């Protein structure tokens, strides 16, 4: 699992304007967290939503 997270983090280190967002969803089953990593590479915005 740690290796899986290392690749997006290294890719975002080379990005311009890297961002991390946490999308929280509240439901009957509790709270669900869905992190999203995004950044700008070569003028295009790239998002990673695991």
N, C-alpha and C. Protein backbone atom coordinates (compact mmCIF):
# COMPACT_ATOMS: atom_id res chain seq x y z
N UNK A 1 0.83 -1.20 0.00
CA UNK A 1 0.00 0.00 0.00
C UNK A 1 0.87 1.26 0.00
N UNK A 2 1.97 1.25 0.73
CA UNK A 2 2.83 2.43 0.79
C UNK A 2 3.46 2.73 -0.57
N UNK A 3 3.82 1.69 -1.32
CA UNK A 3 4.40 1.89 -2.64
C UNK A 3 3.37 2.51 -3.58
N UNK A 4 2.11 2.11 -3.45
CA UNK A 4 1.03 2.64 -4.29
C UNK A 4 0.86 4.14 -4.07
N UNK A 5 1.03 4.61 -2.85
CA UNK A 5 0.91 6.04 -2.56
C UNK A 5 2.16 6.82 -2.94
N UNK A 6 3.30 6.15 -3.00
CA UNK A 6 4.56 6.82 -3.31
C UNK A 6 4.58 7.35 -4.74
N UNK A 7 4.03 6.61 -5.69
CA UNK A 7 4.05 7.02 -7.09
C UNK A 7 3.28 8.33 -7.31
N UNK A 8 2.02 8.46 -6.84
CA UNK A 8 1.33 9.76 -7.02
C UNK A 8 2.01 10.92 -6.30
N UNK A 9 2.57 10.64 -5.12
CA UNK A 9 3.24 11.72 -4.37
C UNK A 9 4.47 12.21 -5.12
N UNK A 10 5.25 11.31 -5.68
CA UNK A 10 6.41 11.72 -6.46
C UNK A 10 5.99 12.44 -7.74
N UNK A 11 4.93 12.00 -8.36
CA UNK A 11 4.44 12.67 -9.57
C UNK A 11 3.96 14.08 -9.24
N UNK A 12 3.29 14.25 -8.12
CA UNK A 12 2.81 15.57 -7.73
C UNK A 12 3.94 16.49 -7.29
N UNK A 13 5.05 15.92 -6.86
CA UNK A 13 6.20 16.75 -6.48
C UNK A 13 6.75 17.51 -7.67
N UNK A 14 6.59 16.95 -8.88
CA UNK A 14 7.05 17.60 -10.09
C UNK A 14 5.99 18.51 -10.69
N UNK A 15 4.81 18.55 -10.09
CA UNK A 15 3.69 19.34 -10.62
C UNK A 15 3.77 20.80 -10.18
N UNK A 16 3.09 21.61 -10.94
CA UNK A 16 2.89 23.00 -10.56
C UNK A 16 1.53 23.08 -9.87
N UNK A 17 1.45 23.75 -8.75
CA UNK A 17 0.23 23.91 -7.96
C UNK A 17 -0.35 22.57 -7.49
N UNK A 18 0.44 21.74 -6.79
CA UNK A 18 -0.11 20.47 -6.29
C UNK A 18 -1.15 20.71 -5.20
N UNK A 19 -2.21 19.90 -5.19
CA UNK A 19 -3.28 20.05 -4.22
C UNK A 19 -3.73 18.68 -3.73
N UNK A 20 -4.19 18.63 -2.49
CA UNK A 20 -4.78 17.44 -1.90
C UNK A 20 -6.14 17.84 -1.35
N UNK A 21 -7.18 17.14 -1.78
CA UNK A 21 -8.52 17.41 -1.30
C UNK A 21 -9.07 16.16 -0.64
N UNK A 22 -9.84 16.35 0.42
CA UNK A 22 -10.50 15.22 1.07
C UNK A 22 -12.00 15.42 0.93
N UNK A 23 -12.63 14.55 0.20
CA UNK A 23 -14.07 14.60 0.02
C UNK A 23 -14.71 13.73 1.09
N UNK A 24 -15.46 14.35 1.98
CA UNK A 24 -16.11 13.62 3.06
C UNK A 24 -17.58 13.40 2.70
N UNK A 25 -18.04 12.17 2.88
CA UNK A 25 -19.43 11.84 2.66
C UNK A 25 -20.00 11.30 3.96
N UNK A 26 -21.09 11.90 4.42
CA UNK A 26 -21.74 11.47 5.65
C UNK A 26 -22.99 10.70 5.27
N UNK A 27 -23.10 9.47 5.75
CA UNK A 27 -24.25 8.64 5.44
C UNK A 27 -24.65 7.79 6.63
N UNK A 28 -25.56 6.87 6.38
CA UNK A 28 -26.04 6.01 7.46
C UNK A 28 -24.95 5.05 7.93
N UNK A 29 -23.99 4.73 7.07
CA UNK A 29 -22.90 3.84 7.45
C UNK A 29 -21.75 4.55 8.13
N UNK A 30 -21.83 5.85 8.28
CA UNK A 30 -20.76 6.62 8.91
C UNK A 30 -20.13 7.59 7.92
N UNK A 31 -18.90 7.96 8.18
CA UNK A 31 -18.19 8.92 7.35
C UNK A 31 -17.29 8.16 6.38
N UNK A 32 -17.34 8.57 5.11
CA UNK A 32 -16.47 7.98 4.08
C UNK A 32 -15.53 9.06 3.57
N UNK A 33 -14.23 8.77 3.54
CA UNK A 33 -13.23 9.73 3.09
C UNK A 33 -12.72 9.29 1.72
N UNK A 34 -12.70 10.22 0.76
CA UNK A 34 -12.23 9.94 -0.59
C UNK A 34 -11.22 11.02 -0.97
N UNK A 35 -9.91 10.77 -0.76
CA UNK A 35 -8.91 11.78 -1.08
C UNK A 35 -8.69 11.91 -2.59
N UNK A 36 -8.39 13.13 -3.03
CA UNK A 36 -8.10 13.40 -4.42
C UNK A 36 -6.81 14.22 -4.50
N UNK A 37 -5.86 13.75 -5.30
CA UNK A 37 -4.61 14.46 -5.53
C UNK A 37 -4.67 15.08 -6.91
N UNK A 38 -4.26 16.33 -7.05
CA UNK A 38 -4.27 16.96 -8.37
C UNK A 38 -3.11 17.94 -8.48
N UNK A 39 -2.76 18.23 -9.72
CA UNK A 39 -1.68 19.17 -10.01
C UNK A 39 -1.64 19.48 -11.49
N UNK A 40 -0.83 20.43 -11.84
CA UNK A 40 -0.73 20.87 -13.24
C UNK A 40 0.60 20.41 -13.81
N UNK A 41 0.54 19.64 -14.91
CA UNK A 41 1.74 19.14 -15.58
C UNK A 41 1.69 19.58 -17.02
N UNK A 42 2.62 20.38 -17.43
CA UNK A 42 2.68 20.83 -18.83
C UNK A 42 1.45 21.57 -19.29
N UNK A 43 0.81 22.30 -18.43
CA UNK A 43 -0.38 23.08 -18.80
C UNK A 43 -1.67 22.31 -18.68
N UNK A 44 -1.63 21.03 -18.36
CA UNK A 44 -2.84 20.22 -18.20
C UNK A 44 -2.99 19.85 -16.73
N UNK A 45 -4.22 19.89 -16.23
CA UNK A 45 -4.50 19.51 -14.86
C UNK A 45 -4.71 18.00 -14.79
N UNK A 46 -3.98 17.37 -13.88
CA UNK A 46 -4.05 15.92 -13.72
C UNK A 46 -4.59 15.64 -12.31
N UNK A 47 -5.60 14.76 -12.22
CA UNK A 47 -6.18 14.38 -10.93
C UNK A 47 -6.07 12.88 -10.76
N UNK A 48 -5.78 12.48 -9.51
CA UNK A 48 -5.72 11.07 -9.16
C UNK A 48 -6.73 10.86 -8.04
N UNK A 49 -7.72 10.05 -8.32
CA UNK A 49 -8.79 9.77 -7.36
C UNK A 49 -8.78 8.27 -7.07
N UNK A 50 -8.08 7.88 -5.97
CA UNK A 50 -7.96 6.44 -5.67
C UNK A 50 -9.26 5.80 -5.26
